[in-house]
Amino acid sequence: MKNKNLINYYLGNEIKKIRISRGYTQEEFSEICGISRAYYGRIERGEYNVTVDMCLKISNGFGCHISELFINLPV
């Protein structure tokens, strides 16, 4: 994996862990966030460089502060 994409991979993986820990499927959670399931799946796989606005939508869907998406990233 290219280094520039590594942060996207880590962030997507963290989002996936949070989603699974809260018992949501990708389809359920993407609907809560107002994001298409296909786009959301790409976020979790680290295929997109996610904007701050999108991170805010996701954190609002989880009911957490946006910083919680980043706190456990290894970079």
Protein backbone atom coordinates (compact mmCIF):
# COMPACT_ATOMS: atom_id res chain seq x y z
CA MET A 1 0.00 0.00 0.00
CA LYS A 2 1.31 3.44 -0.86
CA ASN A 3 2.26 5.58 2.15
CA LYS A 4 -0.05 8.41 1.11
CA ASN A 5 -3.01 6.02 1.32
CA LEU A 6 -2.00 4.52 4.65
CA ILE A 7 -3.85 7.13 6.73
CA ASN A 8 -7.03 6.48 4.72
CA TYR A 9 -6.65 2.76 5.39
CA TYR A 10 -6.15 3.30 9.13
CA LEU A 11 -9.08 5.71 9.38
CA GLY A 12 -11.37 3.38 7.42
CA ASN A 13 -10.37 0.48 9.62
CA GLU A 14 -11.06 2.48 12.78
CA ILE A 15 -14.48 3.53 11.48
CA LYS A 16 -15.25 -0.10 10.67
CA LYS A 17 -14.23 -1.22 14.18
CA ILE A 18 -16.50 1.38 15.78
CA ARG A 19 -19.41 0.44 13.49
CA ILE A 20 -19.06 -3.26 14.25
CA SER A 21 -18.71 -2.65 18.00
CA ARG A 22 -22.04 -0.80 17.90
CA GLY A 23 -23.76 -3.61 16.02
CA TYR A 24 -24.50 -1.84 12.72
CA THR A 25 -24.24 -3.31 9.25
CA GLN A 26 -22.68 -1.12 6.58
CA GLU A 27 -26.13 -0.65 5.05
CA GLU A 28 -27.74 0.38 8.34
CA PHE A 29 -24.98 2.77 9.29
CA SER A 30 -24.63 4.38 5.88
CA GLU A 31 -28.36 5.10 5.97
CA ILE A 32 -28.05 6.69 9.42
CA CYS A 33 -25.27 8.93 8.06
CA GLY A 34 -27.00 9.73 4.79
CA ILE A 35 -24.14 8.24 2.76
CA SER A 36 -24.60 5.70 -0.03
CA ARG A 37 -23.63 2.20 1.06
CA ALA A 38 -21.18 1.84 -1.83
CA TYR A 39 -19.41 5.10 -0.93
CA TYR A 40 -19.38 4.18 2.75
CA GLY A 41 -17.83 0.79 1.94
CA ARG A 42 -15.04 2.54 0.05
CA ILE A 43 -14.40 4.75 3.08
CA GLU A 44 -14.01 1.69 5.31
CA ARG A 45 -11.61 0.10 2.82
CA GLY A 46 -9.49 3.28 2.78
CA GLU A 47 -10.10 3.94 -0.91
CA TYR A 48 -11.07 7.59 -0.42
CA ASN A 49 -9.44 10.57 1.18
CA VAL A 50 -12.33 11.45 3.46
CA THR A 51 -13.19 15.12 4.03
CA VAL A 52 -13.69 16.66 7.45
CA ASP A 53 -17.38 17.12 6.56
CA MET A 54 -17.71 13.38 5.89
CA CYS A 55 -15.92 12.56 9.14
CA LEU A 56 -18.40 14.80 10.93
CA LYS A 57 -21.34 12.96 9.34
CA ILE A 58 -19.86 9.66 10.46
CA SER A 59 -19.12 10.82 14.01
CA ASN A 60 -22.63 12.26 14.29
CA GLY A 61 -23.98 8.89 13.16
CA PHE A 62 -22.03 7.25 15.99
CA GLY A 63 -23.09 9.96 18.42
CA CYS A 64 -19.48 10.72 19.30
CA HIS A 65 -17.03 13.58 18.99
CA ILE A 66 -15.16 13.66 15.67
CA SER A 67 -11.85 13.23 17.50
CA GLU A 68 -12.84 9.69 18.51
CA LEU A 69 -12.40 8.62 14.87
CA PHE A 70 -8.72 9.55 15.05
CA ILE A 71 -7.62 8.85 18.61
CA ASN A 72 -6.52 5.23 18.03
CA LEU A 73 -4.81 5.70 14.67
CA PRO A 74 -1.22 4.42 14.72
CA VAL A 75 0.20 7.42 12.82
